[in-house]
């Protein structure tokens, strides 16, 4: 017997769960195949850092858009992300200050709340931190961390509520193609 879905997603980590969640919002019914259990791989071992400070504008824009999910997780996704606002500091050597200033300017143009601060400002944030050698740093007060497993579970729950399926303990052995299209997969639990 073959089980059919609109889309087959291999892997039940944060990427697979997010893809399933967003596909369901578009009316697509995906099947997520996970060889162990949800968030068993790299997702479950991630530190879950949520920040927007990147050197390139496309990454910063994407991080800013993604951050809105964390700010409003229960309304946008449902469930809990475990997001905790701690702030984020980016330190650089003195000869990289010009590049840091350029990054902050670019990020502020995107709308990211980030600021250039000096060593005295840093000392007030985590007082136990040694700051005598810090001249400048970037500070993002809204950044923090989330719980990757909780995020994945919430996204997958949302996908399942919209008609997506999650099959755990399902190892994919082969992918079959016909012409220029993927036709299906063979797994430890049959063909999809």
N, C-alpha and C. Protein backbone atom coordinates (compact mmCIF):
# COMPACT_ATOMS: atom_id res chain seq x y z
N UNK A 1 0.84 -1.18 0.00
CA UNK A 1 0.00 0.00 0.00
C UNK A 1 0.88 1.25 0.00
N UNK A 2 0.50 2.23 -0.76
CA UNK A 2 1.25 3.48 -0.85
C UNK A 2 0.42 4.60 -0.23
N UNK A 3 1.06 5.40 0.64
CA UNK A 3 0.42 6.56 1.22
C UNK A 3 0.81 7.77 0.38
N UNK A 4 -0.16 8.61 0.06
CA UNK A 4 0.07 9.74 -0.84
C UNK A 4 -0.14 11.07 -0.12
N UNK A 5 0.72 12.02 -0.44
CA UNK A 5 0.59 13.38 0.05
C UNK A 5 0.90 14.33 -1.08
N UNK A 6 0.55 15.60 -0.91
CA UNK A 6 0.88 16.60 -1.92
C UNK A 6 2.39 16.81 -2.01
N UNK A 7 3.04 16.75 -0.86
CA UNK A 7 4.49 16.96 -0.75
C UNK A 7 5.02 16.00 0.30
N UNK A 8 6.19 15.45 0.06
CA UNK A 8 6.86 14.62 1.06
C UNK A 8 8.08 15.40 1.54
N UNK A 9 8.17 15.56 2.85
CA UNK A 9 9.29 16.25 3.47
C UNK A 9 10.08 15.22 4.25
N UNK A 10 11.36 15.11 3.97
CA UNK A 10 12.22 14.17 4.68
C UNK A 10 12.93 14.92 5.79
N UNK A 11 12.60 14.60 7.03
CA UNK A 11 13.23 15.21 8.19
C UNK A 11 12.27 16.03 9.01
N UNK A 12 12.17 15.69 10.29
CA UNK A 12 11.26 16.37 11.21
C UNK A 12 11.97 17.30 12.16
N UNK A 13 12.96 18.02 11.66
CA UNK A 13 13.61 19.07 12.44
C UNK A 13 12.90 20.39 12.20
N UNK A 14 13.51 21.47 12.62
CA UNK A 14 12.89 22.79 12.51
C UNK A 14 12.60 23.16 11.06
N UNK A 15 13.49 22.80 10.13
CA UNK A 15 13.24 23.15 8.73
C UNK A 15 12.07 22.37 8.16
N UNK A 16 12.02 21.06 8.41
CA UNK A 16 10.92 20.25 7.91
C UNK A 16 9.59 20.66 8.51
N UNK A 17 9.58 20.92 9.82
CA UNK A 17 8.34 21.32 10.50
C UNK A 17 7.88 22.69 10.00
N UNK A 18 8.80 23.63 9.83
CA UNK A 18 8.45 24.96 9.34
C UNK A 18 7.91 24.88 7.91
N UNK A 19 8.56 24.08 7.08
CA UNK A 19 8.10 23.92 5.71
C UNK A 19 6.69 23.33 5.70
N UNK A 20 6.45 22.30 6.50
CA UNK A 20 5.11 21.70 6.59
C UNK A 20 4.09 22.73 7.06
N UNK A 21 4.42 23.50 8.09
CA UNK A 21 3.52 24.52 8.63
C UNK A 21 3.12 25.53 7.56
N UNK A 22 4.10 26.02 6.81
CA UNK A 22 3.83 27.04 5.80
C UNK A 22 3.11 26.47 4.58
N UNK A 23 3.42 25.23 4.22
CA UNK A 23 2.70 24.60 3.10
C UNK A 23 1.22 24.43 3.44
N UNK A 24 0.92 24.00 4.66
CA UNK A 24 -0.47 23.83 5.08
C UNK A 24 -1.21 25.16 4.98
N UNK A 25 -0.54 26.27 5.34
CA UNK A 25 -1.17 27.59 5.25
C UNK A 25 -1.53 27.94 3.80
N UNK A 26 -0.83 27.29 2.84
CA UNK A 26 -1.08 27.52 1.42
C UNK A 26 -2.06 26.49 0.85
N UNK A 27 -2.59 25.61 1.71
CA UNK A 27 -3.55 24.61 1.24
C UNK A 27 -2.93 23.31 0.78
N UNK A 28 -1.64 23.13 0.99
CA UNK A 28 -0.93 21.92 0.59
C UNK A 28 -0.91 20.95 1.77
N UNK A 29 -1.07 19.66 1.50
CA UNK A 29 -1.09 18.63 2.55
C UNK A 29 0.22 17.83 2.50
N UNK A 30 1.18 18.19 3.33
CA UNK A 30 2.46 17.48 3.31
C UNK A 30 2.48 16.27 4.25
N UNK A 31 3.40 15.37 3.97
CA UNK A 31 3.73 14.27 4.87
C UNK A 31 5.19 14.48 5.27
N UNK A 32 5.46 14.54 6.57
CA UNK A 32 6.81 14.68 7.08
C UNK A 32 7.27 13.30 7.56
N UNK A 33 8.37 12.82 7.00
CA UNK A 33 8.93 11.53 7.38
C UNK A 33 10.19 11.77 8.21
N UNK A 34 10.19 11.28 9.44
CA UNK A 34 11.32 11.48 10.36
C UNK A 34 11.85 10.12 10.78
N UNK A 35 13.15 9.90 10.59
CA UNK A 35 13.72 8.57 10.88
C UNK A 35 13.77 8.23 12.37
N UNK A 36 13.73 9.24 13.23
CA UNK A 36 13.68 8.97 14.68
C UNK A 36 12.42 9.60 15.26
N UNK A 37 12.57 10.76 15.87
CA UNK A 37 11.44 11.49 16.44
C UNK A 37 11.66 12.97 16.16
N UNK A 38 10.61 13.75 16.30
CA UNK A 38 10.67 15.17 15.96
C UNK A 38 11.79 15.87 16.75
N UNK A 39 12.60 16.64 16.03
CA UNK A 39 13.73 17.41 16.59
C UNK A 39 14.83 16.52 17.15
N UNK A 40 14.96 15.30 16.63
CA UNK A 40 15.98 14.37 17.15
C UNK A 40 17.40 14.69 16.68
N UNK A 41 17.52 15.39 15.57
CA UNK A 41 18.84 15.66 15.01
C UNK A 41 19.44 16.97 15.48
N UNK A 42 19.98 17.72 14.54
CA UNK A 42 20.67 18.98 14.85
C UNK A 42 19.76 19.98 15.56
N UNK A 43 18.48 19.98 15.22
CA UNK A 43 17.55 20.92 15.86
C UNK A 43 17.54 20.75 17.37
N UNK A 44 17.46 19.52 17.83
CA UNK A 44 17.40 19.24 19.26
C UNK A 44 18.69 19.57 20.00
N UNK A 45 19.78 19.75 19.24
CA UNK A 45 21.08 20.08 19.86
C UNK A 45 21.46 21.55 19.66
N UNK A 46 20.58 22.32 19.04
CA UNK A 46 20.85 23.72 18.76
C UNK A 46 20.74 24.57 20.02
N UNK A 47 21.49 25.67 20.05
CA UNK A 47 21.39 26.60 21.18
C UNK A 47 20.20 27.54 21.02
N UNK A 48 19.63 27.62 19.82
CA UNK A 48 18.42 28.42 19.60
C UNK A 48 18.63 29.92 19.63
N UNK A 49 19.82 30.40 19.29
CA UNK A 49 20.10 31.84 19.30
C UNK A 49 19.18 32.56 18.32
N UNK A 50 18.55 33.63 18.78
CA UNK A 50 17.68 34.46 17.96
C UNK A 50 18.30 35.85 17.92
N UNK A 51 18.86 36.20 16.76
CA UNK A 51 19.53 37.49 16.60
C UNK A 51 19.38 37.97 15.17
N UNK A 52 19.68 39.23 14.93
CA UNK A 52 19.58 39.80 13.59
C UNK A 52 20.91 40.33 13.07
N UNK A 53 21.96 40.27 13.88
CA UNK A 53 23.24 40.86 13.49
C UNK A 53 23.99 39.94 12.53
N UNK A 54 23.95 40.31 11.26
CA UNK A 54 24.69 39.61 10.21
C UNK A 54 25.42 40.65 9.38
N UNK A 55 26.43 40.20 8.65
CA UNK A 55 27.23 41.13 7.85
C UNK A 55 26.56 41.51 6.53
N UNK A 56 25.64 40.68 6.06
CA UNK A 56 25.02 40.92 4.77
C UNK A 56 23.54 41.27 4.95
N UNK A 57 23.07 42.20 4.15
CA UNK A 57 21.69 42.67 4.26
C UNK A 57 20.65 41.56 4.05
N UNK A 58 20.81 40.65 3.07
CA UNK A 58 19.77 39.62 2.91
C UNK A 58 19.59 38.76 4.17
N UNK A 59 20.68 38.40 4.82
CA UNK A 59 20.58 37.61 6.04
C UNK A 59 19.93 38.40 7.16
N UNK A 60 20.30 39.67 7.28
CA UNK A 60 19.70 40.52 8.32
C UNK A 60 18.21 40.72 8.07
N UNK A 61 17.82 40.92 6.79
CA UNK A 61 16.39 41.07 6.47
C UNK A 61 15.61 39.81 6.83
N UNK A 62 16.16 38.67 6.45
CA UNK A 62 15.51 37.39 6.74
C UNK A 62 15.39 37.18 8.25
N UNK A 63 16.45 37.48 8.98
CA UNK A 63 16.43 37.33 10.44
C UNK A 63 15.40 38.27 11.07
N UNK A 64 15.27 39.48 10.54
CA UNK A 64 14.30 40.44 11.07
C UNK A 64 12.87 39.94 10.83
N UNK A 65 12.61 39.43 9.64
CA UNK A 65 11.28 38.87 9.34
C UNK A 65 11.02 37.67 10.26
N UNK A 66 12.00 36.80 10.40
CA UNK A 66 11.85 35.63 11.27
C UNK A 66 11.64 36.03 12.72
N UNK A 67 12.28 37.09 13.15
CA UNK A 67 12.15 37.54 14.54
C UNK A 67 10.71 37.86 14.89
N UNK A 68 9.94 38.33 13.91
CA UNK A 68 8.54 38.66 14.18
C UNK A 68 7.76 37.41 14.61
N UNK A 69 8.15 36.26 14.10
CA UNK A 69 7.54 35.01 14.55
C UNK A 69 7.79 34.83 16.05
N UNK A 70 9.01 35.02 16.48
CA UNK A 70 9.35 34.82 17.88
C UNK A 70 8.65 35.83 18.79
N UNK A 71 8.52 37.06 18.32
CA UNK A 71 7.83 38.09 19.11
C UNK A 71 6.36 37.75 19.32
N UNK A 72 5.75 37.16 18.31
CA UNK A 72 4.30 36.90 18.34
C UNK A 72 3.99 35.42 18.13
N UNK A 73 4.81 34.56 18.66
CA UNK A 73 4.73 33.12 18.39
C UNK A 73 3.35 32.54 18.65
N UNK A 74 2.78 32.81 19.80
CA UNK A 74 1.50 32.19 20.15
C UNK A 74 0.39 32.62 19.18
N UNK A 75 0.45 33.84 18.66
CA UNK A 75 -0.55 34.30 17.71
C UNK A 75 -0.29 33.78 16.30
N UNK A 76 0.97 33.73 15.88
CA UNK A 76 1.32 33.36 14.51
C UNK A 76 1.36 31.84 14.33
N UNK A 77 1.95 31.14 15.28
CA UNK A 77 2.15 29.70 15.16
C UNK A 77 1.24 28.94 16.11
N UNK A 78 1.16 29.41 17.33
CA UNK A 78 0.48 28.67 18.39
C UNK A 78 1.51 27.91 19.20
N UNK A 79 1.15 27.51 20.38
CA UNK A 79 2.11 26.80 21.23
C UNK A 79 3.12 27.76 21.83
N UNK A 80 4.27 27.20 22.15
CA UNK A 80 5.30 27.97 22.85
C UNK A 80 6.63 27.81 22.14
N UNK A 81 7.35 28.91 21.99
CA UNK A 81 8.69 28.86 21.38
C UNK A 81 9.79 28.88 22.42
N UNK A 82 9.45 29.21 23.66
CA UNK A 82 10.47 29.33 24.68
C UNK A 82 11.35 30.56 24.48
N UNK A 83 10.90 31.52 23.66
CA UNK A 83 11.73 32.70 23.40
C UNK A 83 11.95 33.49 24.69
N UNK A 84 13.22 33.79 24.94
CA UNK A 84 13.62 34.57 26.11
C UNK A 84 14.49 35.72 25.62
N UNK A 85 14.07 36.92 25.90
CA UNK A 85 14.80 38.12 25.48
C UNK A 85 15.96 38.36 26.45
N UNK A 86 17.17 38.33 25.93
CA UNK A 86 18.37 38.57 26.73
C UNK A 86 19.22 39.72 26.20
N UNK A 87 19.00 40.10 24.95
CA UNK A 87 19.88 41.03 24.28
C UNK A 87 21.04 40.27 23.65
N UNK A 88 21.74 40.93 22.75
CA UNK A 88 22.85 40.32 22.03
C UNK A 88 23.95 41.36 21.88
N UNK A 89 25.17 40.96 22.18
CA UNK A 89 26.34 41.84 22.01
C UNK A 89 27.25 41.26 20.94
N UNK A 90 27.74 42.12 20.04
CA UNK A 90 28.71 41.72 19.02
C UNK A 90 29.97 42.54 19.26
N UNK A 91 31.05 41.85 19.62
CA UNK A 91 32.33 42.52 19.86
C UNK A 91 33.23 42.40 18.63
N UNK A 92 34.03 43.42 18.39
CA UNK A 92 35.01 43.38 17.30
C UNK A 92 36.32 44.00 17.78
N UNK A 93 37.38 43.67 17.08
CA UNK A 93 38.67 44.31 17.31
C UNK A 93 38.57 45.77 16.86
N UNK A 94 39.44 46.61 17.40
CA UNK A 94 39.40 48.05 17.09
C UNK A 94 39.49 48.32 15.59
N UNK A 95 40.28 47.51 14.88
CA UNK A 95 40.44 47.75 13.44
C UNK A 95 39.20 47.33 12.63
N UNK A 96 38.21 46.72 13.26
CA UNK A 96 36.97 46.32 12.58
C UNK A 96 35.79 47.22 12.95
N UNK A 97 36.05 48.29 13.68
CA UNK A 97 34.97 49.16 14.12
C UNK A 97 34.22 49.80 12.96
N UNK A 98 34.94 50.17 11.91
CA UNK A 98 34.30 50.80 10.75
C UNK A 98 33.29 49.83 10.12
N UNK A 99 33.66 48.57 9.99
CA UNK A 99 32.75 47.56 9.44
C UNK A 99 31.55 47.34 10.37
N UNK A 100 31.80 47.35 11.67
CA UNK A 100 30.71 47.19 12.63
C UNK A 100 29.72 48.35 12.51
N UNK A 101 30.24 49.56 12.39
CA UNK A 101 29.36 50.72 12.22
C UNK A 101 28.53 50.59 10.94
N UNK A 102 29.14 50.11 9.87
CA UNK A 102 28.42 49.92 8.61
C UNK A 102 27.32 48.87 8.77
N UNK A 103 27.62 47.79 9.48
CA UNK A 103 26.61 46.76 9.73
C UNK A 103 25.43 47.33 10.51
N UNK A 104 25.72 48.09 11.54
CA UNK A 104 24.66 48.67 12.36
C UNK A 104 23.80 49.62 11.53
N UNK A 105 24.44 50.44 10.71
CA UNK A 105 23.69 51.36 9.86
C UNK A 105 22.78 50.59 8.90
N UNK A 106 23.31 49.54 8.28
CA UNK A 106 22.51 48.72 7.36
C UNK A 106 21.33 48.09 8.09
N UNK A 107 21.58 47.55 9.28
CA UNK A 107 20.53 46.90 10.04
C UNK A 107 19.47 47.90 10.51
N UNK A 108 19.89 49.08 10.90
CA UNK A 108 18.93 50.12 11.31
C UNK A 108 18.04 50.54 10.14
N UNK A 109 18.60 50.57 8.92
CA UNK A 109 17.81 50.89 7.74
C UNK A 109 16.72 49.84 7.52
N UNK A 110 17.00 48.59 7.86
CA UNK A 110 16.03 47.50 7.75
C UNK A 110 14.93 47.66 8.80
N UNK A 111 15.28 48.30 9.93
CA UNK A 111 14.34 48.47 11.03
C UNK A 111 14.73 47.72 12.29
N UNK A 112 15.88 47.09 12.25
CA UNK A 112 16.36 46.31 13.39
C UNK A 112 16.82 47.27 14.49
N UNK A 113 16.34 47.09 15.71
CA UNK A 113 16.83 47.92 16.80
C UNK A 113 18.21 47.45 17.25
N UNK A 114 19.23 48.13 16.81
CA UNK A 114 20.61 47.81 17.16
C UNK A 114 21.38 49.11 17.31
N UNK A 115 22.37 49.11 18.20
CA UNK A 115 23.06 50.34 18.55
C UNK A 115 24.54 50.08 18.76
N UNK A 116 25.34 51.10 18.54
CA UNK A 116 26.76 51.05 18.86
C UNK A 116 26.91 51.53 20.30
N UNK A 117 27.58 50.74 21.12
CA UNK A 117 27.82 51.12 22.51
C UNK A 117 29.30 51.00 22.82
N UNK A 118 29.73 51.61 23.92
CA UNK A 118 31.14 51.54 24.30
C UNK A 118 31.33 50.57 25.47
N UNK A 119 32.56 50.40 25.91
CA UNK A 119 32.88 49.47 26.98
C UNK A 119 32.15 49.76 28.28
N UNK A 120 31.96 51.04 28.60
CA UNK A 120 31.23 51.39 29.83
C UNK A 120 29.77 50.93 29.75
N UNK A 121 29.17 51.09 28.54
CA UNK A 121 27.80 50.61 28.35
C UNK A 121 27.73 49.09 28.50
N UNK A 122 28.71 48.40 27.93
CA UNK A 122 28.76 46.94 28.03
C UNK A 122 28.83 46.53 29.49
N UNK A 123 29.66 47.21 30.26
CA UNK A 123 29.85 46.89 31.68
C UNK A 123 28.53 46.96 32.45
N UNK A 124 27.64 47.88 32.06
CA UNK A 124 26.36 48.00 32.75
C UNK A 124 25.40 46.86 32.41
N UNK A 125 25.61 46.21 31.27
CA UNK A 125 24.70 45.13 30.87
C UNK A 125 24.97 43.85 31.67
N UNK A 126 26.13 43.21 31.47
CA UNK A 126 26.49 42.11 32.37
C UNK A 126 27.66 42.58 33.24
N UNK A 127 27.42 43.08 34.44
CA UNK A 127 28.46 43.71 35.25
C UNK A 127 29.68 42.83 35.51
N UNK A 128 29.53 41.53 35.49
CA UNK A 128 30.66 40.65 35.78
C UNK A 128 31.62 40.49 34.59
N UNK A 129 31.24 41.01 33.44
CA UNK A 129 32.05 40.86 32.24
C UNK A 129 33.25 41.80 32.28
N UNK A 130 34.43 41.28 31.94
CA UNK A 130 35.64 42.10 31.84
C UNK A 130 35.53 42.94 30.58
N UNK A 131 35.58 44.26 30.71
CA UNK A 131 35.36 45.15 29.56
C UNK A 131 36.49 46.13 29.31
N UNK A 132 37.58 46.02 30.05
CA UNK A 132 38.67 47.00 29.90
C UNK A 132 39.23 47.05 28.48
N UNK A 133 39.13 45.94 27.75
CA UNK A 133 39.67 45.90 26.39
C UNK A 133 38.60 46.10 25.32
N UNK A 134 37.38 46.46 25.70
CA UNK A 134 36.29 46.67 24.75
C UNK A 134 36.11 48.16 24.51
N UNK A 135 36.30 48.56 23.26
CA UNK A 135 36.09 49.96 22.90
C UNK A 135 34.67 50.19 22.40
N UNK A 136 34.20 49.30 21.52
CA UNK A 136 32.85 49.43 20.99
C UNK A 136 32.24 48.04 20.80
N UNK A 137 30.93 48.00 20.76
CA UNK A 137 30.21 46.76 20.50
C UNK A 137 28.86 47.12 19.91
N UNK A 138 28.27 46.17 19.20
CA UNK A 138 26.89 46.32 18.74
C UNK A 138 26.00 45.69 19.79
N UNK A 139 24.87 46.33 20.06
CA UNK A 139 23.92 45.80 21.04
C UNK A 139 22.53 45.73 20.42
N UNK A 140 21.94 44.55 20.45
CA UNK A 140 20.57 44.32 20.01
C UNK A 140 19.74 43.96 21.25
N UNK A 141 18.99 44.87 21.78
CA UNK A 141 18.25 44.60 23.02
C UNK A 141 17.11 43.59 22.86
N UNK A 142 16.58 43.39 21.66
CA UNK A 142 15.44 42.49 21.47
C UNK A 142 15.83 41.04 21.26
N UNK A 143 17.09 40.77 20.99
CA UNK A 143 17.54 39.40 20.69
C UNK A 143 17.54 38.52 21.93
N UNK A 144 17.71 37.24 21.71
CA UNK A 144 17.74 36.29 22.82
C UNK A 144 17.90 34.87 22.32
N UNK A 145 17.14 33.97 22.90
CA UNK A 145 17.19 32.57 22.47
C UNK A 145 15.80 31.97 22.59
N UNK A 146 15.60 30.89 21.84
CA UNK A 146 14.34 30.15 21.89
C UNK A 146 14.66 28.68 22.13
N UNK A 147 13.65 27.90 22.41
CA UNK A 147 13.82 26.46 22.60
C UNK A 147 13.53 25.77 21.26
N UNK A 148 14.57 25.27 20.58
CA UNK A 148 14.37 24.69 19.25
C UNK A 148 13.38 23.53 19.22
N UNK A 149 13.38 22.69 20.24
CA UNK A 149 12.44 21.56 20.26
C UNK A 149 11.00 22.05 20.40
N UNK A 150 10.76 23.02 21.28
CA UNK A 150 9.41 23.58 21.43
C UNK A 150 8.94 24.24 20.15
N UNK A 151 9.84 24.97 19.49
CA UNK A 151 9.49 25.61 18.22
C UNK A 151 9.08 24.57 17.19
N UNK A 152 9.86 23.50 17.10
CA UNK A 152 9.59 22.45 16.12
C UNK A 152 8.26 21.77 16.41
N UNK A 153 8.03 21.46 17.66
CA UNK A 153 6.76 20.82 18.05
C UNK A 153 5.58 21.73 17.73
N UNK A 154 5.69 23.02 18.04
CA UNK A 154 4.61 23.96 17.76
C UNK A 154 4.32 24.05 16.26
N UNK A 155 5.38 24.15 15.46
CA UNK A 155 5.20 24.23 14.01
C UNK A 155 4.56 22.95 13.47
N UNK A 156 5.03 21.80 13.96
CA UNK A 156 4.48 20.53 13.49
C UNK A 156 3.04 20.35 13.94
N UNK A 157 2.72 20.78 15.16
CA UNK A 157 1.33 20.73 15.63
C UNK A 157 0.43 21.57 14.72
N UNK A 158 0.90 22.75 14.35
CA UNK A 158 0.14 23.61 13.45
C UNK A 158 -0.06 22.96 12.09
N UNK A 159 0.98 22.31 11.59
CA UNK A 159 0.87 21.62 10.30
C UNK A 159 -0.14 20.48 10.38
N UNK A 160 -0.08 19.73 11.46
CA UNK A 160 -1.01 18.59 11.62
C UNK A 160 -2.45 19.07 11.77
N UNK A 161 -2.65 20.17 12.47
CA UNK A 161 -4.01 20.72 12.62
C UNK A 161 -4.58 21.13 11.27
N UNK A 162 -3.69 21.50 10.34
CA UNK A 162 -4.13 21.91 9.00
C UNK A 162 -4.16 20.78 7.99
N UNK A 163 -3.95 19.55 8.44
CA UNK A 163 -4.04 18.41 7.54
C UNK A 163 -2.72 17.77 7.16
N UNK A 164 -1.61 18.29 7.65
CA UNK A 164 -0.32 17.65 7.40
C UNK A 164 -0.18 16.41 8.27
N UNK A 165 0.72 15.53 7.86
CA UNK A 165 0.96 14.30 8.62
C UNK A 165 2.43 14.22 9.04
N UNK A 166 2.65 13.63 10.20
CA UNK A 166 4.00 13.35 10.69
C UNK A 166 4.10 11.86 10.92
N UNK A 167 5.09 11.24 10.28
CA UNK A 167 5.35 9.81 10.48
C UNK A 167 6.75 9.71 11.08
N UNK A 168 6.81 9.28 12.35
CA UNK A 168 8.10 9.14 13.04
C UNK A 168 8.58 7.70 12.97
N UNK A 169 9.87 7.50 13.29
CA UNK A 169 10.49 6.18 13.21
C UNK A 169 10.34 5.62 11.80
N UNK A 170 10.59 6.48 10.83
CA UNK A 170 10.37 6.16 9.42
C UNK A 170 11.61 6.57 8.61
N UNK A 171 12.50 5.63 8.39
CA UNK A 171 13.74 5.92 7.67
C UNK A 171 13.53 5.81 6.17
N UNK A 172 13.99 6.81 5.42
CA UNK A 172 13.87 6.80 3.96
C UNK A 172 15.08 6.06 3.39
N UNK A 173 14.79 5.05 2.54
CA UNK A 173 15.85 4.25 1.92
C UNK A 173 16.15 4.67 0.50
N UNK A 174 15.12 5.11 -0.23
CA UNK A 174 15.32 5.45 -1.64
C UNK A 174 14.30 6.49 -2.07
N UNK A 175 14.73 7.30 -3.04
CA UNK A 175 13.87 8.29 -3.65
C UNK A 175 13.69 7.88 -5.11
N UNK A 176 12.44 7.77 -5.57
CA UNK A 176 12.21 7.37 -6.96
C UNK A 176 11.82 8.58 -7.79
N UNK A 177 12.35 8.63 -8.98
CA UNK A 177 12.09 9.73 -9.90
C UNK A 177 11.54 9.18 -11.20
N UNK A 178 10.72 9.97 -11.85
CA UNK A 178 10.20 9.65 -13.16
C UNK A 178 10.26 10.89 -14.01
N UNK A 179 11.02 10.83 -15.09
CA UNK A 179 11.20 12.03 -15.91
C UNK A 179 11.98 13.06 -15.12
N UNK A 180 11.42 14.23 -14.98
CA UNK A 180 12.10 15.29 -14.24
C UNK A 180 11.42 15.55 -12.89
N UNK A 181 10.67 14.56 -12.38
CA UNK A 181 9.93 14.74 -11.13
C UNK A 181 10.25 13.63 -10.14
N UNK A 182 10.24 13.98 -8.88
CA UNK A 182 10.30 12.97 -7.82
C UNK A 182 8.92 12.33 -7.75
N UNK A 183 8.87 11.01 -7.74
CA UNK A 183 7.60 10.28 -7.70
C UNK A 183 7.24 9.80 -6.30
N UNK A 184 8.26 9.52 -5.49
CA UNK A 184 7.98 9.01 -4.15
C UNK A 184 9.23 8.55 -3.45
N UNK A 185 9.02 7.94 -2.29
CA UNK A 185 10.13 7.42 -1.50
C UNK A 185 9.78 6.04 -0.97
N UNK A 186 10.81 5.22 -0.77
CA UNK A 186 10.66 3.93 -0.10
C UNK A 186 11.24 4.07 1.29
N UNK A 187 10.50 3.59 2.30
CA UNK A 187 10.90 3.81 3.68
C UNK A 187 10.76 2.52 4.49
N UNK A 188 11.19 2.59 5.72
CA UNK A 188 11.04 1.48 6.66
C UNK A 188 9.57 1.20 6.99
N UNK A 189 8.68 2.13 6.61
CA UNK A 189 7.25 1.96 6.84
C UNK A 189 6.45 1.88 5.55
N UNK A 190 7.10 1.54 4.46
CA UNK A 190 6.42 1.39 3.18
C UNK A 190 6.72 2.52 2.22
N UNK A 191 5.96 2.54 1.14
CA UNK A 191 6.16 3.54 0.09
C UNK A 191 5.24 4.73 0.29
N UNK A 192 5.77 5.89 -0.03
CA UNK A 192 4.99 7.13 0.03
C UNK A 192 5.11 7.81 -1.33
